[in-house]
């Protein structure tokens, strides 16, 4: 069984027992949270598609970690104008362990 959830403006595939990295959520480590923005639930041959969300569905998860991703380099360059800008960025994330999918 899996669910497609939406959090932080992005969509993620959640399966029981798996961990997913989502955009930063304001919760502490070891907090239990419920995600209620469920777009789709798939279970073998049965698929429930929300219009826009599945009513009454929840994904229960535990916050495992709060951290930052690897650094990415943003380099802007224009030829023949001596224009170069180099910036780095590290995105914050929250690691969730999916405990249960409730339909």
PDB file of N, CA and C in Angstrom:
ATOM      1  N   UNK A   1       0.846  -1.176   0.000  1.00  0.00           N
ATOM      2  CA  UNK A   1       0.000   0.000   0.000  1.00  0.00           C
ATOM      3  C   UNK A   1       0.890   1.236   0.000  1.00  0.00           C
ATOM      4  N   UNK A   2       0.491   2.219  -0.784  1.00  0.00           N
ATOM      5  CA  UNK A   2       1.240   3.469  -0.835  1.00  0.00           C
ATOM      6  C   UNK A   2       0.262   4.630  -0.965  1.00  0.00           C
ATOM      7  N   UNK A   3       0.768   5.823  -0.690  1.00  0.00           N
ATOM      8  CA  UNK A   3      -0.045   7.030  -0.805  1.00  0.00           C
ATOM      9  C   UNK A   3       0.811   8.134  -1.410  1.00  0.00           C
ATOM     10  N   UNK A   4       0.172   8.991  -2.178  1.00  0.00           N
ATOM     11  CA  UNK A   4       0.829  10.180  -2.693  1.00  0.00           C
ATOM     12  C   UNK A   4       0.376  11.338  -1.821  1.00  0.00           C
ATOM     13  N   UNK A   5       1.330  11.968  -1.132  1.00  0.00           N
ATOM     14  CA  UNK A   5       1.007  13.064  -0.219  1.00  0.00           C
ATOM     15  C   UNK A   5       1.552  14.359  -0.787  1.00  0.00           C
ATOM     16  N   UNK A   6       0.962  15.466  -0.344  1.00  0.00           N
ATOM     17  CA  UNK A   6       1.444  16.784  -0.742  1.00  0.00           C
ATOM     18  C   UNK A   6       1.781  17.566   0.515  1.00  0.00           C
ATOM     19  N   UNK A   7       3.023  18.030   0.591  1.00  0.00           N
ATOM     20  CA  UNK A   7       3.465  18.867   1.693  1.00  0.00           C
ATOM     21  C   UNK A   7       4.574  19.780   1.196  1.00  0.00           C
ATOM     22  N   UNK A   8       4.517  21.022   1.594  1.00  0.00           N
ATOM     23  CA  UNK A   8       5.534  21.970   1.173  1.00  0.00           C
ATOM     24  C   UNK A   8       5.501  22.282  -0.312  1.00  0.00           C
ATOM     25  N   UNK A   9       4.346  22.084  -0.955  1.00  0.00           N
ATOM     26  CA  UNK A   9       4.219  22.374  -2.373  1.00  0.00           C
ATOM     27  C   UNK A   9       4.729  21.280  -3.293  1.00  0.00           C
ATOM     28  N   UNK A  10       5.187  20.182  -2.739  1.00  0.00           N
ATOM     29  CA  UNK A  10       5.684  19.063  -3.546  1.00  0.00           C
ATOM     30  C   UNK A  10       4.894  17.806  -3.219  1.00  0.00           C
ATOM     31  N   UNK A  11       5.008  16.821  -4.092  1.00  0.00           N
ATOM     32  CA  UNK A  11       4.310  15.560  -3.894  1.00  0.00           C
ATOM     33  C   UNK A  11       5.320  14.448  -3.659  1.00  0.00           C
ATOM     34  N   UNK A  12       4.992  13.543  -2.723  1.00  0.00           N
ATOM     35  CA  UNK A  12       5.890  12.463  -2.344  1.00  0.00           C
ATOM     36  C   UNK A  12       5.113  11.155  -2.292  1.00  0.00           C
ATOM     37  N   UNK A  13       5.814  10.063  -2.581  1.00  0.00           N
ATOM     38  CA  UNK A  13       5.228   8.731  -2.465  1.00  0.00           C
ATOM     39  C   UNK A  13       5.593   8.181  -1.091  1.00  0.00           C
ATOM     40  N   UNK A  14       4.589   7.845  -0.303  1.00  0.00           N
ATOM     41  CA  UNK A  14       4.793   7.357   1.060  1.00  0.00           C
ATOM     42  C   UNK A  14       4.370   5.900   1.138  1.00  0.00           C
ATOM     43  N   UNK A  15       5.267   5.052   1.650  1.00  0.00           N
ATOM     44  CA  UNK A  15       4.966   3.648   1.898  1.00  0.00           C
ATOM     45  C   UNK A  15       5.276   3.348   3.357  1.00  0.00           C
ATOM     46  N   UNK A  16       4.535   2.429   3.941  1.00  0.00           N
ATOM     47  CA  UNK A  16       4.719   2.089   5.353  1.00  0.00           C
ATOM     48  C   UNK A  16       6.120   1.518   5.562  1.00  0.00           C
ATOM     49  N   UNK A  17       6.828   2.070   6.559  1.00  0.00           N
ATOM     50  CA  UNK A  17       8.167   1.606   6.893  1.00  0.00           C
ATOM     51  C   UNK A  17       9.278   2.341   6.175  1.00  0.00           C
ATOM     52  N   UNK A  18       8.962   3.122   5.155  1.00  0.00           N
ATOM     53  CA  UNK A  18       9.981   3.858   4.397  1.00  0.00           C
ATOM     54  C   UNK A  18      10.193   5.240   5.013  1.00  0.00           C
ATOM     55  N   UNK A  19      11.333   5.838   4.710  1.00  0.00           N
ATOM     56  CA  UNK A  19      11.601   7.209   5.131  1.00  0.00           C
ATOM     57  C   UNK A  19      11.582   8.111   3.905  1.00  0.00           C
ATOM     58  N   UNK A  20      11.063   9.322   4.095  1.00  0.00           N
ATOM     59  CA  UNK A  20      11.035  10.308   3.021  1.00  0.00           C
ATOM     60  C   UNK A  20      11.547  11.629   3.554  1.00  0.00           C
ATOM     61  N   UNK A  21      12.223  12.371   2.703  1.00  0.00           N
ATOM     62  CA  UNK A  21      12.717  13.704   3.050  1.00  0.00           C
ATOM     63  C   UNK A  21      11.773  14.727   2.433  1.00  0.00           C
ATOM     64  N   UNK A  22      11.122  15.516   3.286  1.00  0.00           N
ATOM     65  CA  UNK A  22      10.191  16.543   2.827  1.00  0.00           C
ATOM     66  C   UNK A  22      10.750  17.915   3.196  1.00  0.00           C
ATOM     67  N   UNK A  23      10.129  18.956   2.673  1.00  0.00           N
ATOM     68  CA  UNK A  23      10.540  20.302   3.041  1.00  0.00           C
ATOM     69  C   UNK A  23      10.363  20.461   4.545  1.00  0.00           C
ATOM     70  N   UNK A  24      11.105  21.385   5.121  1.00  0.00           N
ATOM     71  CA  UNK A  24      11.156  21.519   6.572  1.00  0.00           C
ATOM     72  C   UNK A  24       9.769  21.735   7.178  1.00  0.00           C
ATOM     73  N   UNK A  25       9.479  20.935   8.222  1.00  0.00           N
ATOM     74  CA  UNK A  25       8.235  21.049   8.977  1.00  0.00           C
ATOM     75  C   UNK A  25       8.557  21.488  10.399  1.00  0.00           C
ATOM     76  N   UNK A  26       7.698  22.289  11.025  1.00  0.00           N
ATOM     77  CA  UNK A  26       7.999  22.826  12.373  1.00  0.00           C
ATOM     78  C   UNK A  26       7.676  21.832  13.481  1.00  0.00           C
ATOM     79  N   UNK A  27       8.361  20.685  13.496  1.00  0.00           N
ATOM     80  CA  UNK A  27       8.146  19.662  14.521  1.00  0.00           C
ATOM     81  C   UNK A  27       9.501  19.221  15.064  1.00  0.00           C
ATOM     82  N   UNK A  28       9.494  18.717  16.279  1.00  0.00           N
ATOM     83  CA  UNK A  28      10.707  18.224  16.912  1.00  0.00           C
ATOM     84  C   UNK A  28      10.944  16.766  16.533  1.00  0.00           C
ATOM     85  N   UNK A  29      12.178  16.308  16.756  1.00  0.00           N
ATOM     86  CA  UNK A  29      12.520  14.912  16.498  1.00  0.00           C
ATOM     87  C   UNK A  29      11.713  14.024  17.446  1.00  0.00           C
ATOM     88  N   UNK A  30      11.253  12.895  16.950  1.00  0.00           N
ATOM     89  CA  UNK A  30      10.419  11.899  17.639  1.00  0.00           C
ATOM     90  C   UNK A  30       8.977  12.340  17.839  1.00  0.00           C
ATOM     91  N   UNK A  31       8.547  13.449  17.224  1.00  0.00           N
ATOM     92  CA  UNK A  31       7.143  13.830  17.257  1.00  0.00           C
ATOM     93  C   UNK A  31       6.354  12.962  16.282  1.00  0.00           C
ATOM     94  N   UNK A  32       5.124  12.625  16.667  1.00  0.00           N
ATOM     95  CA  UNK A  32       4.218  11.915  15.768  1.00  0.00           C
ATOM     96  C   UNK A  32       3.332  12.941  15.088  1.00  0.00           C
ATOM     97  N   UNK A  33       3.262  12.881  13.756  1.00  0.00           N
ATOM     98  CA  UNK A  33       2.453  13.838  13.019  1.00  0.00           C
ATOM     99  C   UNK A  33       1.497  13.090  12.096  1.00  0.00           C
ATOM    100  N   UNK A  34       0.433  13.788  11.689  1.00  0.00           N
ATOM    101  CA  UNK A  34      -0.523  13.239  10.738  1.00  0.00           C
ATOM    102  C   UNK A  34      -0.574  14.159   9.533  1.00  0.00           C
ATOM    103  N   UNK A  35      -0.373  13.593   8.362  1.00  0.00           N
ATOM    104  CA  UNK A  35      -0.477  14.339   7.122  1.00  0.00           C
ATOM    105  C   UNK A  35      -1.831  14.032   6.507  1.00  0.00           C
ATOM    106  N   UNK A  36      -2.620  15.067   6.242  1.00  0.00           N
ATOM    107  CA  UNK A  36      -3.991  14.858   5.789  1.00  0.00           C
ATOM    108  C   UNK A  36      -4.204  15.281   4.348  1.00  0.00           C
ATOM    109  N   UNK A  37      -3.172  15.745   3.668  1.00  0.00           N
ATOM    110  CA  UNK A  37      -3.291  16.174   2.276  1.00  0.00           C
ATOM    111  C   UNK A  37      -2.908  15.004   1.369  1.00  0.00           C
ATOM    112  N   UNK A  38      -3.789  14.006   1.285  1.00  0.00           N
ATOM    113  CA  UNK A  38      -3.532  12.768   0.552  1.00  0.00           C
ATOM    114  C   UNK A  38      -4.196  12.870  -0.822  1.00  0.00           C
ATOM    115  N   UNK A  39      -3.410  12.741  -1.878  1.00  0.00           N
ATOM    116  CA  UNK A  39      -3.931  12.893  -3.232  1.00  0.00           C
ATOM    117  C   UNK A  39      -4.354  11.573  -3.863  1.00  0.00           C
ATOM    118  N   UNK A  40      -3.692  10.475  -3.480  1.00  0.00           N
ATOM    119  CA  UNK A  40      -3.972   9.177  -4.099  1.00  0.00           C
ATOM    120  C   UNK A  40      -3.577   8.082  -3.127  1.00  0.00           C
ATOM    121  N   UNK A  41      -4.338   6.994  -3.135  1.00  0.00           N
ATOM    122  CA  UNK A  41      -3.984   5.814  -2.353  1.00  0.00           C
ATOM    123  C   UNK A  41      -4.039   4.614  -3.280  1.00  0.00           C
ATOM    124  N   UNK A  42      -2.964   3.851  -3.327  1.00  0.00           N
ATOM    125  CA  UNK A  42      -2.905   2.662  -4.165  1.00  0.00           C
ATOM    126  C   UNK A  42      -2.665   1.432  -3.323  1.00  0.00           C
ATOM    127  N   UNK A  43      -3.434   0.374  -3.602  1.00  0.00           N
ATOM    128  CA  UNK A  43      -3.300  -0.878  -2.870  1.00  0.00           C
ATOM    129  C   UNK A  43      -3.536  -2.020  -3.852  1.00  0.00           C
ATOM    130  N   UNK A  44      -2.462  -2.455  -4.502  1.00  0.00           N
ATOM    131  CA  UNK A  44      -2.593  -3.526  -5.486  1.00  0.00           C
ATOM    132  C   UNK A  44      -3.377  -3.052  -6.700  1.00  0.00           C
ATOM    133  N   UNK A  45      -4.536  -3.682  -6.936  1.00  0.00           N
ATOM    134  CA  UNK A  45      -5.380  -3.300  -8.071  1.00  0.00           C
ATOM    135  C   UNK A  45      -6.336  -2.168  -7.737  1.00  0.00           C
ATOM    136  N   UNK A  46      -6.498  -1.864  -6.449  1.00  0.00           N
ATOM    137  CA  UNK A  46      -7.424  -0.812  -6.043  1.00  0.00           C
ATOM    138  C   UNK A  46      -6.684   0.515  -5.928  1.00  0.00           C
ATOM    139  N   UNK A  47      -7.188   1.518  -6.618  1.00  0.00           N
ATOM    140  CA  UNK A  47      -6.601   2.854  -6.553  1.00  0.00           C
ATOM    141  C   UNK A  47      -7.711   3.854  -6.293  1.00  0.00           C
ATOM    142  N   UNK A  48      -7.498   4.702  -5.278  1.00  0.00           N
ATOM    143  CA  UNK A  48      -8.461   5.749  -4.949  1.00  0.00           C
ATOM    144  C   UNK A  48      -7.802   7.083  -5.262  1.00  0.00           C
ATOM    145  N   UNK A  49      -8.413   7.824  -6.176  1.00  0.00           N
ATOM    146  CA  UNK A  49      -7.881   9.120  -6.576  1.00  0.00           C
ATOM    147  C   UNK A  49      -8.744  10.202  -5.953  1.00  0.00           C
ATOM    148  N   UNK A  50      -8.101  11.175  -5.299  1.00  0.00           N
ATOM    149  CA  UNK A  50      -8.832  12.251  -4.649  1.00  0.00           C
ATOM    150  C   UNK A  50      -9.298  13.304  -5.629  1.00  0.00           C
ATOM    151  N   UNK A  51     -10.321  14.066  -5.215  1.00  0.00           N
ATOM    152  CA  UNK A  51     -10.875  15.120  -6.052  1.00  0.00           C
ATOM    153  C   UNK A  51     -10.981  16.410  -5.258  1.00  0.00           C
ATOM    154  N   UNK A  52      -9.973  17.122  -4.857  1.00  0.00           N
ATOM    155  CA  UNK A  52      -8.552  16.941  -5.103  1.00  0.00           C
ATOM    156  C   UNK A  52      -7.849  16.064  -4.058  1.00  0.00           C
ATOM    157  N   UNK A  53      -8.478  15.834  -2.883  1.00  0.00           N
ATOM    158  CA  UNK A  53      -7.850  14.979  -1.876  1.00  0.00           C
ATOM    159  C   UNK A  53      -8.795  13.831  -1.536  1.00  0.00           C
ATOM    160  N   UNK A  54      -8.236  12.759  -0.984  1.00  0.00           N
ATOM    161  CA  UNK A  54      -9.035  11.607  -0.555  1.00  0.00           C
ATOM    162  C   UNK A  54      -9.618  11.936   0.812  1.00  0.00           C
ATOM    163  N   UNK A  55     -10.935  11.898   0.907  1.00  0.00           N
ATOM    164  CA  UNK A  55     -11.620  12.255   2.153  1.00  0.00           C
ATOM    165  C   UNK A  55     -11.363  11.206   3.240  1.00  0.00           C
ATOM    166  N   UNK A  56     -11.012  11.663   4.428  1.00  0.00           N
ATOM    167  CA  UNK A  56     -10.832  10.781   5.571  1.00  0.00           C
ATOM    168  C   UNK A  56      -9.524  10.018   5.604  1.00  0.00           C
ATOM    169  N   UNK A  57      -8.666  10.226   4.629  1.00  0.00           N
ATOM    170  CA  UNK A  57      -7.394   9.503   4.587  1.00  0.00           C
ATOM    171  C   UNK A  57      -6.324  10.291   5.336  1.00  0.00           C
ATOM    172  N   UNK A  58      -5.443   9.572   6.013  1.00  0.00           N
ATOM    173  CA  UNK A  58      -4.352  10.180   6.763  1.00  0.00           C
ATOM    174  C   UNK A  58      -3.114   9.321   6.625  1.00  0.00           C
ATOM    175  N   UNK A  59      -1.957   9.959   6.728  1.00  0.00           N
ATOM    176  CA  UNK A  59      -0.693   9.241   6.814  1.00  0.00           C
ATOM    177  C   UNK A  59      -0.079   9.629   8.149  1.00  0.00           C
ATOM    178  N   UNK A  60       0.147   8.631   8.990  1.00  0.00           N
ATOM    179  CA  UNK A  60       0.773   8.876  10.289  1.00  0.00           C
ATOM    180  C   UNK A  60       2.267   8.623  10.153  1.00  0.00           C
ATOM    181  N   UNK A  61       3.067   9.578  10.622  1.00  0.00           N
ATOM    182  CA  UNK A  61       4.515   9.490  10.467  1.00  0.00           C
ATOM    183  C   UNK A  61       5.202   9.988  11.724  1.00  0.00           C
ATOM    184  N   UNK A  62       6.481   9.633  11.853  1.00  0.00           N
ATOM    185  CA  UNK A  62       7.313  10.065  12.964  1.00  0.00           C
ATOM    186  C   UNK A  62       8.492  10.850  12.408  1.00  0.00           C
ATOM    187  N   UNK A  63       8.791  11.983  13.046  1.00  0.00           N
ATOM    188  CA  UNK A  63       9.930  12.792  12.625  1.00  0.00           C
ATOM    189  C   UNK A  63      11.204  12.109  13.103  1.00  0.00           C
ATOM    190  N   UNK A  64      12.080  11.754  12.154  1.00  0.00           N
ATOM    191  CA  UNK A  64      13.317  11.058  12.476  1.00  0.00           C
ATOM    192  C   UNK A  64      14.472  12.040  12.607  1.00  0.00           C
ATOM    193  N   UNK A  65      14.486  13.058  11.751  1.00  0.00           N
ATOM    194  CA  UNK A  65      15.645  13.953  11.708  1.00  0.00           C
ATOM    195  C   UNK A  65      15.236  15.299  11.133  1.00  0.00           C
ATOM    196  N   UNK A  66      15.908  16.347  11.595  1.00  0.00           N
ATOM    197  CA  UNK A  66      15.835  17.672  10.994  1.00  0.00           C
ATOM    198  C   UNK A  66      17.246  17.985  10.516  1.00  0.00           C
ATOM    199  N   UNK A  67      17.406  18.323   9.259  1.00  0.00           N
ATOM    200  CA  UNK A  67      18.765  18.534   8.768  1.00  0.00           C
ATOM    201  C   UNK A  67      18.813  19.444   7.564  1.00  0.00           C
ATOM    202  N   UNK A  68      19.987  19.438   6.924  1.00  0.00           N
ATOM    203  CA  UNK A  68      20.202  20.223   5.722  1.00  0.00           C
ATOM    204  C   UNK A  68      20.791  19.321   4.644  1.00  0.00           C
ATOM    205  N   UNK A  69      20.392  19.574   3.407  1.00  0.00           N
ATOM    206  CA  UNK A  69      20.834  18.787   2.264  1.00  0.00           C
ATOM    207  C   UNK A  69      22.264  19.140   1.879  1.00  0.00           C
ATOM    208  N   UNK A  70      22.767  18.449   0.855  1.00  0.00           N
ATOM    209  CA  UNK A  70      24.078  18.776   0.322  1.00  0.00           C
ATOM    210  C   UNK A  70      24.045  20.158  -0.313  1.00  0.00           C
ATOM    211  N   UNK A  71      25.199  20.795  -0.366  1.00  0.00           N
ATOM    212  CA  UNK A  71      25.273  22.125  -0.950  1.00  0.00           C
ATOM    213  C   UNK A  71      25.196  22.047  -2.472  1.00  0.00           C
ATOM    214  N   UNK A  72      24.405  22.952  -3.037  1.00  0.00           N
ATOM    215  CA  UNK A  72      24.387  23.098  -4.482  1.00  0.00           C
ATOM    216  C   UNK A  72      25.012  24.448  -4.819  1.00  0.00           C
ATOM    217  N   UNK A  73      25.665  24.509  -5.951  1.00  0.00           N
ATOM    218  CA  UNK A  73      26.334  25.727  -6.394  1.00  0.00           C
ATOM    219  C   UNK A  73      25.484  26.374  -7.484  1.00  0.00           C
ATOM    220  N   UNK A  74      25.172  27.645  -7.292  1.00  0.00           N
ATOM    221  CA  UNK A  74      24.442  28.425  -8.287  1.00  0.00           C
ATOM    222  C   UNK A  74      25.458  29.367  -8.920  1.00  0.00           C
ATOM    223  N   UNK A  75      25.768  29.151 -10.187  1.00  0.00           N
ATOM    224  CA  UNK A  75      26.789  29.947 -10.881  1.00  0.00           C
ATOM    225  C   UNK A  75      26.154  30.652 -12.065  1.00  0.00           C
ATOM    226  N   UNK A  76      26.185  31.989 -12.028  1.00  0.00           N
ATOM    227  CA  UNK A  76      25.650  32.792 -13.133  1.00  0.00           C
ATOM    228  C   UNK A  76      26.827  33.352 -13.907  1.00  0.00           C
ATOM    229  N   UNK A  77      26.699  33.343 -15.235  1.00  0.00           N
ATOM    230  CA  UNK A  77      27.811  33.733 -16.087  1.00  0.00           C
ATOM    231  C   UNK A  77      27.282  34.372 -17.364  1.00  0.00           C
ATOM    232  N   UNK A  78      27.857  35.497 -17.747  1.00  0.00           N
ATOM    233  CA  UNK A  78      27.563  36.110 -19.039  1.00  0.00           C
ATOM    234  C   UNK A  78      28.881  36.290 -19.767  1.00  0.00           C
ATOM    235  N   UNK A  79      28.922  35.807 -20.974  1.00  0.00           N
ATOM    236  CA  UNK A  79      30.189  35.851 -21.711  1.00  0.00           C
ATOM    237  C   UNK A  79      30.529  37.281 -22.140  1.00  0.00           C
ATOM    238  N   UNK A  80      31.822  37.550 -22.194  1.00  0.00           N
ATOM    239  CA  UNK A  80      32.405  38.811 -22.668  1.00  0.00           C
ATOM    240  C   UNK A  80      32.008  40.041 -21.878  1.00  0.00           C
ATOM    241  N   UNK A  81      31.412  39.881 -20.700  1.00  0.00           N
ATOM    242  CA  UNK A  81      31.037  41.056 -19.918  1.00  0.00           C
ATOM    243  C   UNK A  81      31.658  41.053 -18.527  1.00  0.00           C
ATOM    244  N   UNK A  82      32.501  40.064 -18.260  1.00  0.00           N
ATOM    245  CA  UNK A  82      33.138  39.930 -16.950  1.00  0.00           C
ATOM    246  C   UNK A  82      32.095  39.836 -15.824  1.00  0.00           C
ATOM    247  N   UNK A  83      31.015  39.118 -16.062  1.00  0.00           N
ATOM    248  CA  UNK A  83      29.945  38.946 -15.089  1.00  0.00           C
ATOM    249  C   UNK A  83      29.942  37.505 -14.612  1.00  0.00           C
ATOM    250  N   UNK A  84      30.301  37.304 -13.344  1.00  0.00           N
ATOM    251  CA  UNK A  84      30.307  35.977 -12.743  1.00  0.00           C
ATOM    252  C   UNK A  84      29.811  36.101 -11.303  1.00  0.00           C
ATOM    253  N   UNK A  85      28.844  35.260 -10.939  1.00  0.00           N
ATOM    254  CA  UNK A  85      28.323  35.243  -9.573  1.00  0.00           C
ATOM    255  C   UNK A  85      28.249  33.792  -9.116  1.00  0.00           C
ATOM    256  N   UNK A  86      28.859  33.507  -7.988  1.00  0.00           N
ATOM    257  CA  UNK A  86      28.856  32.157  -7.443  1.00  0.00           C
ATOM    258  C   UNK A  86      28.228  32.200  -6.061  1.00  0.00           C
ATOM    259  N   UNK A  87      27.161  31.405  -5.892  1.00  0.00           N
ATOM    260  CA  UNK A  87      26.470  31.330  -4.616  1.00  0.00           C
ATOM    261  C   UNK A  87      26.241  29.872  -4.274  1.00  0.00           C
ATOM    262  N   UNK A  88      26.209  29.563  -3.016  1.00  0.00           N
ATOM    263  CA  UNK A  88      25.906  28.219  -2.557  1.00  0.00           C
ATOM    264  C   UNK A  88      24.602  28.220  -1.773  1.00  0.00           C
ATOM    265  N   UNK A  89      23.949  27.057  -1.712  1.00  0.00           N
ATOM    266  CA  UNK A  89      22.680  26.958  -1.000  1.00  0.00           C
ATOM    267  C   UNK A  89      22.524  25.550  -0.428  1.00  0.00           C
ATOM    268  N   UNK A  90      22.063  25.476   0.811  1.00  0.00           N
ATOM    269  CA  UNK A  90      21.733  24.199   1.440  1.00  0.00           C
ATOM    270  C   UNK A  90      20.291  24.264   1.908  1.00  0.00           C
ATOM    271  N   UNK A  91      19.470  23.351   1.385  1.00  0.00           N
ATOM    272  CA  UNK A  91      18.046  23.340   1.693  1.00  0.00           C
ATOM    273  C   UNK A  91      17.792  22.581   2.998  1.00  0.00           C
ATOM    274  N   UNK A  92      16.924  23.138   3.850  1.00  0.00           N
ATOM    275  CA  UNK A  92      16.503  22.446   5.060  1.00  0.00           C
ATOM    276  C   UNK A  92      15.500  21.349   4.703  1.00  0.00           C
ATOM    277  N   UNK A  93      15.539  20.235   5.452  1.00  0.00           N
ATOM    278  CA  UNK A  93      14.587  19.159   5.223  1.00  0.00           C
ATOM    279  C   UNK A  93      14.197  18.520   6.551  1.00  0.00           C
ATOM    280  N   UNK A  94      13.083  17.793   6.505  1.00  0.00           N
ATOM    281  CA  UNK A  94      12.618  16.989   7.626  1.00  0.00           C
ATOM    282  C   UNK A  94      12.495  15.555   7.132  1.00  0.00           C
ATOM    283  N   UNK A  95      13.132  14.623   7.826  1.00  0.00           N
ATOM    284  CA  UNK A  95      13.064  13.209   7.457  1.00  0.00           C
ATOM    285  C   UNK A  95      11.950  12.547   8.249  1.00  0.00           C
ATOM    286  N   UNK A  96      11.018  11.932   7.535  1.00  0.00           N
ATOM    287  CA  UNK A  96       9.864  11.284   8.152  1.00  0.00           C
ATOM    288  C   UNK A  96       9.912   9.781   7.922  1.00  0.00           C
ATOM    289  N   UNK A  97       9.516   9.020   8.943  1.00  0.00           N
ATOM    290  CA  UNK A  97       9.324   7.583   8.795  1.00  0.00           C
ATOM    291  C   UNK A  97       7.811   7.349   8.797  1.00  0.00           C
ATOM    292  N   UNK A  98       7.315   6.741   7.740  1.00  0.00           N
ATOM    293  CA  UNK A  98       5.878   6.508   7.593  1.00  0.00           C
ATOM    294  C   UNK A  98       5.503   5.296   8.444  1.00  0.00           C
ATOM    295  N   UNK A  99       4.578   5.499   9.404  1.00  0.00           N
ATOM    296  CA  UNK A  99       4.179   4.432  10.303  1.00  0.00           C
ATOM    297  C   UNK A  99       2.895   3.733   9.849  1.00  0.00           C
ATOM    298  N   UNK A 100       1.941   4.505   9.323  1.00  0.00           N
ATOM    299  CA  UNK A 100       0.646   3.915   9.006  1.00  0.00           C
ATOM    300  C   UNK A 100      -0.078   4.778   7.961  1.00  0.00           C
ATOM    301  N   UNK A 101      -0.822   4.101   7.094  1.00  0.00           N
ATOM    302  CA  UNK A 101      -1.685   4.796   6.141  1.00  0.00           C
ATOM    303  C   UNK A 101      -3.114   4.411   6.470  1.00  0.00           C
ATOM    304  N   UNK A 102      -3.909   5.415   6.852  1.00  0.00           N
ATOM    305  CA  UNK A 102      -5.296   5.183   7.263  1.00  0.00           C
ATOM    306  C   UNK A 102      -6.210   5.645   6.152  1.00  0.00           C
ATOM    307  N   UNK A 103      -7.124   4.766   5.731  1.00  0.00           N
ATOM    308  CA  UNK A 103      -8.069   5.109   4.655  1.00  0.00           C
ATOM    309  C   UNK A 103      -9.413   5.434   5.263  1.00  0.00           C
TER     310      UNK A 103
END
